[in-house]
């Protein structure tokens, strides 16, 4: 796996974490997998990616009481 910040190789630290040898960035293997999936989705179809992001945002925002919304 490569670092999402500096592209250096990530090395395993324990069974569920990785650390970058170049910049010290740390990420869990699960979070890194999610990052890769989102980047791949964005690169395949940016318009669809942002449409889905807006839909998820709106669905989550709809669960929040209106008086607690900041925007």
PDB file of N, CA and C in Angstrom:
ATOM      1  N   UNK A   1       0.845  -1.172   0.000  1.00  0.00           N
ATOM      2  CA  UNK A   1       0.000   0.000   0.000  1.00  0.00           C
ATOM      3  C   UNK A   1       0.894   1.241   0.000  1.00  0.00           C
ATOM      4  N   UNK A   2       0.413   2.275  -0.650  1.00  0.00           N
ATOM      5  CA  UNK A   2       1.170   3.518  -0.647  1.00  0.00           C
ATOM      6  C   UNK A   2       0.448   4.588   0.172  1.00  0.00           C
ATOM      7  N   UNK A   3       1.222   5.518   0.704  1.00  0.00           N
ATOM      8  CA  UNK A   3       0.710   6.583   1.554  1.00  0.00           C
ATOM      9  C   UNK A   3      -0.154   7.535   0.735  1.00  0.00           C
ATOM     10  N   UNK A   4      -1.353   7.894   1.236  1.00  0.00           N
ATOM     11  CA  UNK A   4      -2.195   8.838   0.508  1.00  0.00           C
ATOM     12  C   UNK A   4      -1.662  10.272   0.565  1.00  0.00           C
ATOM     13  N   UNK A   5      -0.688  10.543   1.445  1.00  0.00           N
ATOM     14  CA  UNK A   5      -0.129  11.893   1.549  1.00  0.00           C
ATOM     15  C   UNK A   5       1.111  12.086   0.682  1.00  0.00           C
ATOM     16  N   UNK A   6       2.056  11.146   0.782  1.00  0.00           N
ATOM     17  CA  UNK A   6       3.328  11.353   0.072  1.00  0.00           C
ATOM     18  C   UNK A   6       3.674  10.236  -0.915  1.00  0.00           C
ATOM     19  N   UNK A   7       2.844   9.212  -1.011  1.00  0.00           N
ATOM     20  CA  UNK A   7       2.985   8.091  -1.945  1.00  0.00           C
ATOM     21  C   UNK A   7       4.128   7.134  -1.612  1.00  0.00           C
ATOM     22  N   UNK A   8       4.779   7.296  -0.461  1.00  0.00           N
ATOM     23  CA  UNK A   8       5.785   6.317  -0.038  1.00  0.00           C
ATOM     24  C   UNK A   8       5.056   5.037   0.402  1.00  0.00           C
ATOM     25  N   UNK A   9       5.807   3.976   0.548  1.00  0.00           N
ATOM     26  CA  UNK A   9       5.212   2.712   0.960  1.00  0.00           C
ATOM     27  C   UNK A   9       4.791   2.746   2.421  1.00  0.00           C
ATOM     28  N   UNK A  10       3.633   2.187   2.706  1.00  0.00           N
ATOM     29  CA  UNK A  10       3.168   2.013   4.076  1.00  0.00           C
ATOM     30  C   UNK A  10       3.652   0.661   4.578  1.00  0.00           C
ATOM     31  N   UNK A  11       4.156   0.641   5.798  1.00  0.00           N
ATOM     32  CA  UNK A  11       4.633  -0.600   6.391  1.00  0.00           C
ATOM     33  C   UNK A  11       3.694  -0.992   7.525  1.00  0.00           C
ATOM     34  N   UNK A  12       3.424  -2.287   7.663  1.00  0.00           N
ATOM     35  CA  UNK A  12       2.536  -2.736   8.740  1.00  0.00           C
ATOM     36  C   UNK A  12       3.107  -2.414  10.119  1.00  0.00           C
ATOM     37  N   UNK A  13       2.231  -1.971  11.015  1.00  0.00           N
ATOM     38  CA  UNK A  13       2.565  -1.747  12.419  1.00  0.00           C
ATOM     39  C   UNK A  13       1.505  -2.513  13.193  1.00  0.00           C
ATOM     40  N   UNK A  14       1.836  -3.697  13.614  1.00  0.00           N
ATOM     41  CA  UNK A  14       0.831  -4.559  14.221  1.00  0.00           C
ATOM     42  C   UNK A  14      -0.006  -5.202  13.127  1.00  0.00           C
ATOM     43  N   UNK A  15      -1.171  -5.692  13.508  1.00  0.00           N
ATOM     44  CA  UNK A  15      -1.988  -6.424  12.536  1.00  0.00           C
ATOM     45  C   UNK A  15      -3.007  -5.555  11.815  1.00  0.00           C
ATOM     46  N   UNK A  16      -3.329  -4.375  12.368  1.00  0.00           N
ATOM     47  CA  UNK A  16      -4.401  -3.584  11.769  1.00  0.00           C
ATOM     48  C   UNK A  16      -4.006  -2.156  11.410  1.00  0.00           C
ATOM     49  N   UNK A  17      -2.737  -1.792  11.535  1.00  0.00           N
ATOM     50  CA  UNK A  17      -2.299  -0.429  11.244  1.00  0.00           C
ATOM     51  C   UNK A  17      -1.100  -0.445  10.321  1.00  0.00           C
ATOM     52  N   UNK A  18      -0.956   0.652   9.575  1.00  0.00           N
ATOM     53  CA  UNK A  18       0.201   0.840   8.714  1.00  0.00           C
ATOM     54  C   UNK A  18       0.770   2.230   8.966  1.00  0.00           C
ATOM     55  N   UNK A  19       2.092   2.376   8.805  1.00  0.00           N
ATOM     56  CA  UNK A  19       2.759   3.659   8.989  1.00  0.00           C
ATOM     57  C   UNK A  19       3.627   3.935   7.762  1.00  0.00           C
ATOM     58  N   UNK A  20       3.627   5.192   7.360  1.00  0.00           N
ATOM     59  CA  UNK A  20       4.433   5.628   6.229  1.00  0.00           C
ATOM     60  C   UNK A  20       5.872   5.834   6.685  1.00  0.00           C
ATOM     61  N   UNK A  21       6.810   5.299   5.921  1.00  0.00           N
ATOM     62  CA  UNK A  21       8.220   5.498   6.231  1.00  0.00           C
ATOM     63  C   UNK A  21       8.705   6.882   5.841  1.00  0.00           C
ATOM     64  N   UNK A  22       7.973   7.551   4.946  1.00  0.00           N
ATOM     65  CA  UNK A  22       8.400   8.864   4.475  1.00  0.00           C
ATOM     66  C   UNK A  22       7.939  10.014   5.359  1.00  0.00           C
ATOM     67  N   UNK A  23       6.661  10.032   5.734  1.00  0.00           N
ATOM     68  CA  UNK A  23       6.131  11.182   6.470  1.00  0.00           C
ATOM     69  C   UNK A  23       5.574  10.821   7.847  1.00  0.00           C
ATOM     70  N   UNK A  24       5.537   9.535   8.201  1.00  0.00           N
ATOM     71  CA  UNK A  24       5.039   9.135   9.507  1.00  0.00           C
ATOM     72  C   UNK A  24       3.522   8.999   9.610  1.00  0.00           C
ATOM     73  N   UNK A  25       2.819   9.206   8.497  1.00  0.00           N
ATOM     74  CA  UNK A  25       1.356   9.074   8.470  1.00  0.00           C
ATOM     75  C   UNK A  25       0.955   7.677   8.913  1.00  0.00           C
ATOM     76  N   UNK A  26      -0.086   7.566   9.719  1.00  0.00           N
ATOM     77  CA  UNK A  26      -0.606   6.266  10.149  1.00  0.00           C
ATOM     78  C   UNK A  26      -2.061   6.136   9.751  1.00  0.00           C
ATOM     79  N   UNK A  27      -2.441   4.920   9.377  1.00  0.00           N
ATOM     80  CA  UNK A  27      -3.817   4.653   8.970  1.00  0.00           C
ATOM     81  C   UNK A  27      -4.113   3.182   9.234  1.00  0.00           C
ATOM     82  N   UNK A  28      -5.356   2.905   9.600  1.00  0.00           N
ATOM     83  CA  UNK A  28      -5.737   1.502   9.785  1.00  0.00           C
ATOM     84  C   UNK A  28      -5.898   0.869   8.406  1.00  0.00           C
ATOM     85  N   UNK A  29      -5.735  -0.425   8.336  1.00  0.00           N
ATOM     86  CA  UNK A  29      -5.875  -1.104   7.043  1.00  0.00           C
ATOM     87  C   UNK A  29      -7.300  -0.961   6.518  1.00  0.00           C
ATOM     88  N   UNK A  30      -8.282  -0.969   7.419  1.00  0.00           N
ATOM     89  CA  UNK A  30      -9.680  -0.809   7.005  1.00  0.00           C
ATOM     90  C   UNK A  30      -9.923   0.596   6.431  1.00  0.00           C
ATOM     91  N   UNK A  31      -9.382   1.611   7.095  1.00  0.00           N
ATOM     92  CA  UNK A  31      -9.541   2.989   6.614  1.00  0.00           C
ATOM     93  C   UNK A  31      -8.811   3.194   5.287  1.00  0.00           C
ATOM     94  N   UNK A  32      -7.663   2.559   5.141  1.00  0.00           N
ATOM     95  CA  UNK A  32      -6.915   2.683   3.885  1.00  0.00           C
ATOM     96  C   UNK A  32      -7.687   2.038   2.736  1.00  0.00           C
ATOM     97  N   UNK A  33      -8.305   0.907   2.993  1.00  0.00           N
ATOM     98  CA  UNK A  33      -9.114   0.246   1.967  1.00  0.00           C
ATOM     99  C   UNK A  33     -10.281   1.137   1.552  1.00  0.00           C
ATOM    100  N   UNK A  34     -10.955   1.739   2.522  1.00  0.00           N
ATOM    101  CA  UNK A  34     -12.052   2.654   2.219  1.00  0.00           C
ATOM    102  C   UNK A  34     -11.547   3.840   1.396  1.00  0.00           C
ATOM    103  N   UNK A  35     -10.409   4.380   1.773  1.00  0.00           N
ATOM    104  CA  UNK A  35      -9.806   5.495   1.023  1.00  0.00           C
ATOM    105  C   UNK A  35      -9.579   5.102  -0.437  1.00  0.00           C
ATOM    106  N   UNK A  36      -8.991   3.926  -0.654  1.00  0.00           N
ATOM    107  CA  UNK A  36      -8.719   3.466  -2.028  1.00  0.00           C
ATOM    108  C   UNK A  36     -10.021   3.303  -2.815  1.00  0.00           C
ATOM    109  N   UNK A  37     -11.046   2.736  -2.184  1.00  0.00           N
ATOM    110  CA  UNK A  37     -12.326   2.543  -2.867  1.00  0.00           C
ATOM    111  C   UNK A  37     -12.936   3.877  -3.271  1.00  0.00           C
ATOM    112  N   UNK A  38     -12.872   4.871  -2.375  1.00  0.00           N
ATOM    113  CA  UNK A  38     -13.433   6.185  -2.690  1.00  0.00           C
ATOM    114  C   UNK A  38     -12.635   6.884  -3.787  1.00  0.00           C
ATOM    115  N   UNK A  39     -11.318   6.791  -3.735  1.00  0.00           N
ATOM    116  CA  UNK A  39     -10.486   7.392  -4.786  1.00  0.00           C
ATOM    117  C   UNK A  39     -10.774   6.728  -6.130  1.00  0.00           C
ATOM    118  N   UNK A  40     -10.861   5.413  -6.155  1.00  0.00           N
ATOM    119  CA  UNK A  40     -11.156   4.697  -7.402  1.00  0.00           C
ATOM    120  C   UNK A  40     -12.522   5.098  -7.956  1.00  0.00           C
ATOM    121  N   UNK A  41     -13.512   5.206  -7.079  1.00  0.00           N
ATOM    122  CA  UNK A  41     -14.856   5.605  -7.498  1.00  0.00           C
ATOM    123  C   UNK A  41     -14.819   7.014  -8.085  1.00  0.00           C
ATOM    124  N   UNK A  42     -14.136   7.935  -7.402  1.00  0.00           N
ATOM    125  CA  UNK A  42     -14.015   9.309  -7.894  1.00  0.00           C
ATOM    126  C   UNK A  42     -13.335   9.343  -9.260  1.00  0.00           C
ATOM    127  N   UNK A  43     -12.268   8.583  -9.429  1.00  0.00           N
ATOM    128  CA  UNK A  43     -11.529   8.596 -10.699  1.00  0.00           C
ATOM    129  C   UNK A  43     -12.339   7.983 -11.838  1.00  0.00           C
ATOM    130  N   UNK A  44     -13.183   7.001 -11.531  1.00  0.00           N
ATOM    131  CA  UNK A  44     -14.028   6.379 -12.556  1.00  0.00           C
ATOM    132  C   UNK A  44     -15.120   7.320 -13.046  1.00  0.00           C
ATOM    133  N   UNK A  45     -15.789   7.996 -12.097  1.00  0.00           N
ATOM    134  CA  UNK A  45     -16.942   8.819 -12.468  1.00  0.00           C
ATOM    135  C   UNK A  45     -17.145   9.932 -11.431  1.00  0.00           C
ATOM    136  N   UNK A  46     -16.422  11.049 -11.583  1.00  0.00           N
ATOM    137  CA  UNK A  46     -16.512  12.126 -10.591  1.00  0.00           C
ATOM    138  C   UNK A  46     -17.930  12.665 -10.395  1.00  0.00           C
ATOM    139  N   UNK A  47     -18.700  12.803 -11.464  1.00  0.00           N
ATOM    140  CA  UNK A  47     -20.057  13.326 -11.329  1.00  0.00           C
ATOM    141  C   UNK A  47     -20.931  12.408 -10.481  1.00  0.00           C
ATOM    142  N   UNK A  48     -20.850  11.118 -10.734  1.00  0.00           N
ATOM    143  CA  UNK A  48     -21.633  10.163  -9.956  1.00  0.00           C
ATOM    144  C   UNK A  48     -21.151  10.127  -8.502  1.00  0.00           C
ATOM    145  N   UNK A  49     -19.844  10.231  -8.310  1.00  0.00           N
ATOM    146  CA  UNK A  49     -19.291  10.248  -6.960  1.00  0.00           C
ATOM    147  C   UNK A  49     -19.889  11.392  -6.146  1.00  0.00           C
ATOM    148  N   UNK A  50     -19.858  12.610  -6.704  1.00  0.00           N
ATOM    149  CA  UNK A  50     -20.356  13.761  -5.959  1.00  0.00           C
ATOM    150  C   UNK A  50     -21.870  13.738  -5.808  1.00  0.00           C
ATOM    151  N   UNK A  51     -22.576  13.137  -6.761  1.00  0.00           N
ATOM    152  CA  UNK A  51     -24.023  12.970  -6.615  1.00  0.00           C
ATOM    153  C   UNK A  51     -24.317  12.076  -5.412  1.00  0.00           C
ATOM    154  N   UNK A  52     -23.585  10.980  -5.291  1.00  0.00           N
ATOM    155  CA  UNK A  52     -23.792  10.079  -4.150  1.00  0.00           C
ATOM    156  C   UNK A  52     -23.395  10.729  -2.826  1.00  0.00           C
ATOM    157  N   UNK A  53     -22.320  11.515  -2.837  1.00  0.00           N
ATOM    158  CA  UNK A  53     -21.913  12.219  -1.621  1.00  0.00           C
ATOM    159  C   UNK A  53     -23.018  13.179  -1.176  1.00  0.00           C
ATOM    160  N   UNK A  54     -23.574  13.934  -2.116  1.00  0.00           N
ATOM    161  CA  UNK A  54     -24.665  14.857  -1.774  1.00  0.00           C
ATOM    162  C   UNK A  54     -25.877  14.106  -1.246  1.00  0.00           C
ATOM    163  N   UNK A  55     -26.206  12.970  -1.874  1.00  0.00           N
ATOM    164  CA  UNK A  55     -27.353  12.178  -1.422  1.00  0.00           C
ATOM    165  C   UNK A  55     -27.145  11.666  -0.001  1.00  0.00           C
ATOM    166  N   UNK A  56     -25.943  11.179   0.295  1.00  0.00           N
ATOM    167  CA  UNK A  56     -25.655  10.695   1.655  1.00  0.00           C
ATOM    168  C   UNK A  56     -25.706  11.833   2.658  1.00  0.00           C
ATOM    169  N   UNK A  57     -25.122  12.976   2.286  1.00  0.00           N
ATOM    170  CA  UNK A  57     -25.159  14.143   3.160  1.00  0.00           C
ATOM    171  C   UNK A  57     -26.597  14.534   3.468  1.00  0.00           C
ATOM    172  N   UNK A  58     -27.424  14.594   2.431  1.00  0.00           N
ATOM    173  CA  UNK A  58     -28.818  14.995   2.616  1.00  0.00           C
ATOM    174  C   UNK A  58     -29.581  13.992   3.487  1.00  0.00           C
ATOM    175  N   UNK A  59     -29.293  12.707   3.306  1.00  0.00           N
ATOM    176  CA  UNK A  59     -29.970  11.681   4.120  1.00  0.00           C
ATOM    177  C   UNK A  59     -29.573  11.807   5.585  1.00  0.00           C
ATOM    178  N   UNK A  60     -28.294  12.052   5.842  1.00  0.00           N
ATOM    179  CA  UNK A  60     -27.834  12.211   7.226  1.00  0.00           C
ATOM    180  C   UNK A  60     -28.378  13.507   7.812  1.00  0.00           C
ATOM    181  N   UNK A  61     -28.349  14.566   7.028  1.00  0.00           N
ATOM    182  CA  UNK A  61     -28.859  15.856   7.504  1.00  0.00           C
ATOM    183  C   UNK A  61     -30.345  15.771   7.832  1.00  0.00           C
ATOM    184  N   UNK A  62     -31.094  14.957   7.098  1.00  0.00           N
ATOM    185  CA  UNK A  62     -32.528  14.816   7.346  1.00  0.00           C
ATOM    186  C   UNK A  62     -32.809  14.166   8.702  1.00  0.00           C
ATOM    187  N   UNK A  63     -31.857  13.443   9.247  1.00  0.00           N
ATOM    188  CA  UNK A  63     -32.019  12.809  10.554  1.00  0.00           C
ATOM    189  C   UNK A  63     -31.783  13.783  11.705  1.00  0.00           C
ATOM    190  N   UNK A  64     -31.150  14.900  11.412  1.00  0.00           N
ATOM    191  CA  UNK A  64     -30.806  15.888  12.430  1.00  0.00           C
ATOM    192  C   UNK A  64     -31.951  16.876  12.628  1.00  0.00           C
ATOM    193  N   UNK A  65     -32.298  17.175  13.863  1.00  0.00           N
ATOM    194  CA  UNK A  65     -33.369  18.164  14.082  1.00  0.00           C
ATOM    195  C   UNK A  65     -32.991  19.499  13.423  1.00  0.00           C
ATOM    196  N   UNK A  66     -33.938  20.154  12.818  1.00  0.00           N
ATOM    197  CA  UNK A  66     -33.695  21.356  12.042  1.00  0.00           C
ATOM    198  C   UNK A  66     -33.041  22.453  12.880  1.00  0.00           C
ATOM    199  N   UNK A  67     -33.373  22.576  14.158  1.00  0.00           N
ATOM    200  CA  UNK A  67     -32.814  23.638  14.980  1.00  0.00           C
ATOM    201  C   UNK A  67     -31.338  23.410  15.328  1.00  0.00           C
ATOM    202  N   UNK A  68     -30.840  22.183  15.064  1.00  0.00           N
ATOM    203  CA  UNK A  68     -29.426  21.901  15.345  1.00  0.00           C
ATOM    204  C   UNK A  68     -28.552  22.021  14.094  1.00  0.00           C
ATOM    205  N   UNK A  69     -29.129  22.261  12.955  1.00  0.00           N
ATOM    206  CA  UNK A  69     -28.376  22.372  11.711  1.00  0.00           C
ATOM    207  C   UNK A  69     -27.588  23.673  11.670  1.00  0.00           C
ATOM    208  N   UNK A  70     -26.386  23.582  11.153  1.00  0.00           N
ATOM    209  CA  UNK A  70     -25.554  24.783  11.064  1.00  0.00           C
ATOM    210  C   UNK A  70     -25.722  25.480   9.710  1.00  0.00           C
ATOM    211  N   UNK A  71     -26.127  24.762   8.707  1.00  0.00           N
ATOM    212  CA  UNK A  71     -26.319  25.358   7.378  1.00  0.00           C
ATOM    213  C   UNK A  71     -27.664  24.992   6.796  1.00  0.00           C
TER     214      UNK A  71
END
